[in-house]
Amino acid sequence: MNISYEYYRVFYYVAKCKSITQAAIELKSNQPNVTRIIKTLEQNLGCPLLIRLHNGVSLTPEGEKLYTHVKIAIETIQAGEEELLRHQKMQEGVVTIAASEVALHCCLLPILKVYRQVYPGIRIRVFNTSSPQAIATLQSGLADLAIALTPRNVPKELHLEPIMNIQEIAVAAASFQGLQEKAVSLPELADYPLIGLGASTATFDFYSEIFSDHGLKFLPDIEAATSDQILPMVKSGLGIGFVPASFAKEDVHLGTIFPVQLKTTIPRRTICLLKQENQGLSIAARELERMIVETAAEKLKPLDEKHKKYKQKKLKWQKHK
């Protein structure tokens, strides 16, 4: 049978309200129109569905059977519509982002802080991994977005957008204070114990290329699992490590460590945002992407100052909806 959904919807409200008049009010319709639709539905199904009473209606046995199924269908559709509406209003939802350690601390954390303040109903899942693992997580469909140091080879199915540049420096603790008074070449530095990430990371590839340009191999004496482990090892006097300048700023200021002056300039590195080229994003993920891109476009102005602006945009948008 090819019966309109609207007919079943009208029947649902009549059966639920046990009144054609009340159903018409709920449907923002009128009593004659509701009565006409019920009669048409009964004709199409070939059986009576309602018994007209003095103070309303009751269901026939056939009407009871039909209502059992129609109730599930209508209420399921309504629940779906309400869920979509809450997602559209950013009242609920989930966004998943895969982030390398450097990208997380240098770029993403302050943006997530603002995102949570503006959209507290959205759940955020963060996979904190190396850059190659972040990209693999995105490719596998486990993450909506990835933010990581620019990979050497970007898979064709991914869209990449540069977000910000970072400068890394070599740092050492007081036990290496002999290096504090002079500029050091890479061959000289290679004679000291080095702390770095393992061979499966973009950071290892980056420094391997720099050292290779000087005829050297980058072979860390101590291998850290993540970038945030390097600084504590340096502070413990285990060796010299390369970290983002922002990571080391406080400890350099306190005198816990010092920057090693190199004769070779370490090139800046780029943090980028990645997503699947031909895969749609949820509203929550699109909003996070917008905030990241907009922040990058504004050269990472203090995000707390922008909180008010985001909140105003949100209220204006919800009013429009």
Protein backbone atom coordinates (compact mmCIF):
# COMPACT_ATOMS: atom_id res chain seq x y z
CA MET A 1 0.00 0.00 0.00
CA ASN A 2 1.12 3.52 -0.74
CA ILE A 3 -0.40 5.43 2.18
CA SER A 4 0.95 8.83 3.12
CA TYR A 5 3.00 9.14 6.30
CA GLU A 6 0.82 12.15 7.17
CA TYR A 7 -2.27 9.91 7.37
CA TYR A 8 -0.57 7.67 9.92
CA ARG A 9 0.64 10.73 11.82
CA VAL A 10 -2.94 12.04 12.07
CA PHE A 11 -4.15 8.60 13.19
CA TYR A 12 -1.39 8.51 15.84
CA TYR A 13 -2.51 11.79 17.40
CA VAL A 14 -6.21 10.86 17.30
CA ALA A 15 -5.46 7.52 18.99
CA LYS A 16 -3.13 9.14 21.49
CA CYS A 17 -5.52 11.97 22.40
CA LYS A 18 -8.67 9.80 22.12
CA SER A 19 -10.26 12.87 20.57
CA ILE A 20 -10.48 14.21 17.04
CA THR A 21 -10.89 17.75 18.36
CA GLN A 22 -7.79 17.53 20.60
CA ALA A 23 -5.79 15.85 17.83
CA ALA A 24 -6.65 18.74 15.49
CA ILE A 25 -5.29 21.17 18.11
CA GLU A 26 -2.07 19.16 18.49
CA LEU A 27 -1.65 19.00 14.71
CA LYS A 28 -2.51 22.70 14.27
CA SER A 29 -5.23 21.60 11.88
CA ASN A 30 -9.06 21.53 12.05
CA GLN A 31 -11.61 18.88 12.96
CA PRO A 32 -13.13 18.36 9.46
CA ASN A 33 -9.66 17.84 7.94
CA VAL A 34 -8.69 15.30 10.61
CA THR A 35 -12.02 13.47 10.19
CA ARG A 36 -11.54 13.35 6.39
CA ILE A 37 -8.03 11.88 6.72
CA ILE A 38 -9.17 9.20 9.19
CA LYS A 39 -12.02 8.17 6.86
CA THR A 40 -9.62 7.99 3.90
CA LEU A 41 -7.19 5.87 5.92
CA GLU A 42 -9.99 3.49 6.94
CA GLN A 43 -11.08 3.17 3.31
CA ASN A 44 -7.52 2.44 2.15
CA LEU A 45 -6.99 -0.18 4.86
CA GLY A 46 -10.47 -1.66 4.38
CA CYS A 47 -11.46 -1.65 8.04
CA PRO A 48 -12.76 0.73 10.73
CA LEU A 49 -10.09 2.08 13.07
CA LEU A 50 -12.14 4.24 15.44
CA ILE A 51 -15.37 4.02 17.37
CA ARG A 52 -16.98 7.44 17.72
CA LEU A 53 -18.17 8.08 21.28
CA HIS A 54 -20.09 10.94 22.83
CA ASN A 55 -16.99 12.33 24.55
CA GLY A 56 -14.30 11.27 22.08
CA VAL A 57 -13.15 8.13 20.27
CA SER A 58 -11.83 4.68 21.09
CA LEU A 59 -9.91 2.22 18.95
CA THR A 60 -11.38 -0.84 17.28
CA PRO A 61 -9.37 -4.08 17.64
CA GLU A 62 -7.88 -3.35 14.18
CA GLY A 63 -7.13 0.21 15.30
CA GLU A 64 -5.37 -1.10 18.43
CA LYS A 65 -3.12 -3.36 16.34
CA LEU A 66 -2.29 -0.57 13.92
CA TYR A 67 -1.61 1.92 16.72
CA THR A 68 0.90 -0.45 18.34
CA HIS A 69 3.08 -0.25 15.22
CA VAL A 70 2.35 3.35 14.25
CA LYS A 71 3.23 4.58 17.76
CA ILE A 72 6.71 3.04 17.53
CA ALA A 73 7.31 4.45 14.05
CA ILE A 74 6.06 7.98 14.76
CA GLU A 75 7.83 8.31 18.10
CA THR A 76 11.07 6.94 16.63
CA ILE A 77 10.92 9.51 13.83
CA GLN A 78 10.12 12.28 16.31
CA ALA A 79 13.05 11.23 18.51
CA GLY A 80 15.31 11.33 15.48
CA GLU A 81 14.08 14.80 14.53
CA GLU A 82 14.60 16.07 18.07
CA GLU A 83 18.11 14.60 18.20
CA LEU A 84 19.01 16.24 14.90
CA LEU A 85 17.64 19.54 16.17
CA ARG A 86 19.78 19.32 19.32
CA HIS A 87 22.81 18.57 17.15
CA GLN A 88 22.03 21.51 14.89
CA LYS A 89 21.79 23.76 17.92
CA MET A 90 25.08 22.31 19.22
CA GLN A 91 23.36 21.15 22.41
CA GLU A 92 24.76 17.64 22.09
CA GLY A 93 27.07 15.62 19.88
CA VAL A 94 30.56 14.17 19.75
CA VAL A 95 33.67 15.35 17.95
CA THR A 96 36.83 13.24 17.77
CA ILE A 97 40.24 14.67 16.94
CA ALA A 98 43.60 12.93 16.67
CA ALA A 99 46.50 15.15 17.74
CA SER A 100 50.23 14.79 18.04
CA GLU A 101 51.78 15.86 21.36
CA VAL A 102 53.34 19.01 19.91
CA ALA A 103 50.16 20.03 18.08
CA LEU A 104 48.07 19.39 21.19
CA HIS A 105 50.15 21.61 23.48
CA CYS A 106 51.25 24.28 21.02
CA CYS A 107 47.93 24.83 19.28
CA LEU A 108 44.92 22.68 20.14
CA LEU A 109 44.48 22.90 23.93
CA PRO A 110 43.57 26.62 24.10
CA ILE A 111 41.12 26.16 21.21
CA LEU A 112 39.46 23.20 22.93
CA LYS A 113 39.12 25.32 26.07
CA VAL A 114 37.10 27.92 24.17
CA TYR A 115 35.10 25.25 22.32
CA ARG A 116 34.04 23.66 25.62
CA GLN A 117 33.10 27.03 27.10
CA VAL A 118 30.89 27.88 24.13
CA TYR A 119 29.46 24.37 23.50
CA PRO A 120 29.43 22.51 26.84
CA GLY A 121 26.98 19.93 25.51
CA ILE A 122 29.43 18.60 22.93
CA ARG A 123 31.62 15.69 24.02
CA ILE A 124 35.24 15.86 22.84
CA ARG A 125 37.40 12.80 22.29
CA VAL A 126 41.13 13.34 21.75
CA PHE A 127 43.52 10.66 20.50
CA ASN A 128 46.95 11.89 21.63
CA THR A 129 49.49 10.15 19.40
CA SER A 130 52.47 10.75 17.14
CA SER A 131 51.89 12.60 13.85
CA PRO A 132 51.90 9.41 11.69
CA GLN A 133 49.52 7.71 14.13
CA ALA A 134 47.22 10.76 14.15
CA ILE A 135 47.00 10.59 10.36
CA ALA A 136 46.42 6.82 10.45
CA THR A 137 43.62 7.33 12.98
CA LEU A 138 42.01 9.87 10.63
CA GLN A 139 42.34 7.55 7.63
CA SER A 140 40.75 4.68 9.56
CA GLY A 141 37.66 6.80 10.24
CA LEU A 142 38.17 6.84 14.01
CA ALA A 143 38.67 10.62 14.05
CA ASP A 144 36.83 13.52 12.39
CA LEU A 145 39.95 15.69 12.23
CA ALA A 146 43.67 15.37 12.82
CA ILE A 147 46.12 18.06 13.85
CA ALA A 148 49.78 17.23 13.58
CA LEU A 149 53.17 18.28 12.32
CA THR A 150 53.17 18.29 8.53
CA PRO A 151 53.93 14.77 7.31
CA ARG A 152 56.56 14.15 4.66
CA ASN A 153 54.00 12.48 2.39
CA VAL A 154 50.34 13.50 2.57
CA PRO A 155 47.92 10.77 1.46
CA LYS A 156 45.87 11.84 -1.58
CA GLU A 157 42.56 11.33 0.17
CA LEU A 158 43.42 13.88 2.87
CA HIS A 159 43.04 17.65 2.75
CA LEU A 160 45.81 19.52 4.55
CA GLU A 161 45.69 23.10 5.81
CA PRO A 162 48.69 24.78 7.54
CA ILE A 163 47.73 26.17 10.96
CA MET A 164 50.83 27.62 12.59
CA ASN A 165 54.63 27.51 12.55
CA ILE A 166 56.71 26.54 15.57
CA GLN A 167 60.39 26.96 16.33
CA GLU A 168 62.26 24.20 18.10
CA ILE A 169 65.45 24.69 20.09
CA ALA A 170 68.12 22.50 21.62
CA VAL A 171 68.10 22.57 25.42
CA ALA A 172 70.34 21.18 28.13
CA ALA A 173 70.62 21.12 31.93
CA ALA A 174 73.38 22.53 34.16
CA SER A 175 75.46 19.35 33.84
CA PHE A 176 76.18 20.47 30.26
CA GLN A 177 77.00 24.07 31.19
CA GLY A 178 80.19 23.89 29.13
CA LEU A 179 77.94 24.35 26.10
CA GLN A 180 76.41 27.53 27.50
CA GLU A 181 79.19 29.89 26.50
CA LYS A 182 79.65 28.99 22.84
CA ALA A 183 77.89 28.26 19.58
CA VAL A 184 77.94 24.55 18.80
CA SER A 185 78.03 22.83 15.42
CA LEU A 186 75.95 19.72 14.75
CA PRO A 187 79.04 17.47 14.58
CA GLU A 188 80.03 18.77 18.03
CA LEU A 189 76.50 18.29 19.34
CA ALA A 190 76.45 14.71 18.03
CA ASP A 191 79.26 13.88 20.48
CA TYR A 192 76.91 14.52 23.40
CA PRO A 193 74.06 12.23 24.51
CA LEU A 194 70.91 13.14 22.59
CA ILE A 195 67.31 12.63 23.61
CA GLY A 196 64.74 12.28 20.82
CA LEU A 197 61.69 10.48 19.48
CA GLY A 198 61.73 7.09 17.79
CA ALA A 199 62.06 6.24 14.11
CA SER A 200 58.31 5.97 13.53
CA THR A 201 57.69 9.69 14.11
CA ALA A 202 57.71 12.80 11.92
CA THR A 203 60.11 14.43 14.41
CA PHE A 204 62.68 11.68 13.92
CA ASP A 205 62.44 12.10 10.14
CA PHE A 206 62.80 15.88 10.51
CA TYR A 207 66.02 15.72 12.53
CA SER A 208 67.39 12.81 10.54
CA GLU A 209 67.21 15.00 7.44
CA ILE A 210 68.92 17.94 9.18
CA PHE A 211 71.72 15.75 10.52
CA SER A 212 72.04 13.96 7.16
CA ASP A 213 72.65 17.32 5.43
CA HIS A 214 75.77 17.57 7.59
CA GLY A 215 76.91 14.02 6.90
CA LEU A 216 75.65 12.76 10.27
CA LYS A 217 73.17 10.21 11.51
CA PHE A 218 70.53 11.23 14.02
CA LEU A 219 70.74 8.46 16.62
CA PRO A 220 69.19 9.46 19.96
CA ASP A 221 70.95 7.88 22.94
CA ILE A 222 67.65 8.00 24.80
CA GLU A 223 64.41 7.46 22.91
CA ALA A 224 61.25 9.09 24.27
CA ALA A 225 57.76 7.86 23.41
CA THR A 226 56.22 11.35 23.19
CA SER A 227 57.51 14.91 22.85
CA ASP A 228 56.43 15.91 26.34
CA GLN A 229 58.78 13.28 27.82
CA ILE A 230 61.87 14.92 26.34
CA LEU A 231 61.93 18.00 28.58
CA PRO A 232 61.80 16.10 31.92
CA MET A 233 64.68 13.91 30.72
CA VAL A 234 66.68 17.01 29.75
CA LYS A 235 66.01 18.58 33.16
CA SER A 236 67.28 15.37 34.79
CA GLY A 237 70.61 15.85 32.99
CA LEU A 238 70.26 12.75 30.83
CA GLY A 239 71.15 14.53 27.60
CA ILE A 240 70.35 17.29 25.11
CA GLY A 241 66.97 17.43 23.46
CA PHE A 242 65.09 19.39 20.82
CA VAL A 243 61.75 20.81 21.98
CA PRO A 244 59.40 23.60 20.87
CA ALA A 245 60.58 26.92 22.32
CA SER A 246 57.17 27.34 24.00
CA PHE A 247 57.67 24.02 25.86
CA ALA A 248 60.97 25.22 27.32
CA LYS A 249 60.13 28.88 27.98
CA GLU A 250 59.28 28.59 31.69
CA ASP A 251 62.21 26.32 32.58
CA VAL A 252 64.65 28.54 30.68
CA HIS A 253 63.29 31.53 32.61
CA LEU A 254 63.73 29.66 35.91
CA GLY A 255 67.27 28.63 34.95
CA THR A 256 66.47 24.92 35.20
CA ILE A 257 67.72 24.46 31.64
CA PHE A 258 69.36 26.64 29.02
CA PRO A 259 69.09 26.87 25.23
CA VAL A 260 72.10 25.52 23.35
CA GLN A 261 73.24 28.00 20.71
CA LEU A 262 73.68 26.14 17.42
CA LYS A 263 75.68 27.22 14.40
CA THR A 264 72.99 25.52 12.30
CA THR A 265 69.57 27.12 12.20
CA ILE A 266 66.76 24.66 12.91
CA PRO A 267 64.03 25.25 10.29
CA ARG A 268 60.59 26.14 11.53
CA ARG A 269 58.06 23.34 11.55
CA THR A 270 54.41 23.57 10.54
CA ILE A 271 51.39 22.25 12.41
CA CYS A 272 48.57 21.41 10.04
CA LEU A 273 44.91 20.43 10.18
CA LEU A 274 43.89 17.36 8.19
CA LYS A 275 40.55 15.87 7.23
CA GLN A 276 39.18 13.34 4.76
CA GLU A 277 38.83 15.04 1.36
CA ASN A 278 35.45 13.57 0.39
CA GLN A 279 33.93 12.81 3.77
CA GLY A 280 31.31 15.05 5.35
CA LEU A 281 31.77 16.31 8.90
CA SER A 282 29.17 16.55 11.64
CA ILE A 283 28.02 20.02 12.68
CA ALA A 284 30.12 19.74 15.85
CA ALA A 285 33.25 18.78 13.89
CA ARG A 286 32.67 21.53 11.30
CA GLU A 287 32.45 24.11 14.08
CA LEU A 288 35.70 22.90 15.66
CA GLU A 289 37.36 22.98 12.25
CA ARG A 290 36.11 26.54 11.73
CA MET A 291 37.48 27.66 15.09
CA ILE A 292 40.89 26.11 14.38
CA VAL A 293 41.11 27.63 10.90
CA GLU A 294 39.85 31.02 12.06
CA THR A 295 42.32 31.03 14.93
CA ALA A 296 45.12 30.25 12.49
CA ALA A 297 43.96 33.04 10.17
CA GLU A 298 44.07 35.49 13.06
CA LYS A 299 47.60 34.34 13.94
CA LEU A 300 46.61 32.81 17.25
CA LYS A 301 45.42 35.91 19.08
CA PRO A 302 44.74 35.29 22.79
CA LEU A 303 41.79 32.94 22.69
CA ASP A 304 40.19 34.00 25.97
CA GLU A 305 39.64 37.44 24.43
CA LYS A 306 37.77 35.76 21.58
CA HIS A 307 35.50 33.73 23.86
CA LYS A 308 32.94 36.52 24.04
CA LYS A 309 32.89 36.84 20.25
CA TYR A 310 32.27 33.10 19.77
CA LYS A 311 29.49 33.14 22.35
CA GLN A 312 27.81 36.08 20.61
CA LYS A 313 28.01 34.21 17.28
CA LYS A 314 26.50 31.13 18.87
CA LEU A 315 23.55 33.03 20.38
CA LYS A 316 22.90 34.88 17.13
CA TRP A 317 23.01 31.62 15.15
CA GLN A 318 20.69 29.79 17.55
CA LYS A 319 18.21 32.69 17.42
CA HIS A 320 18.24 32.45 13.64
CA LYS A 321 17.62 28.70 13.80
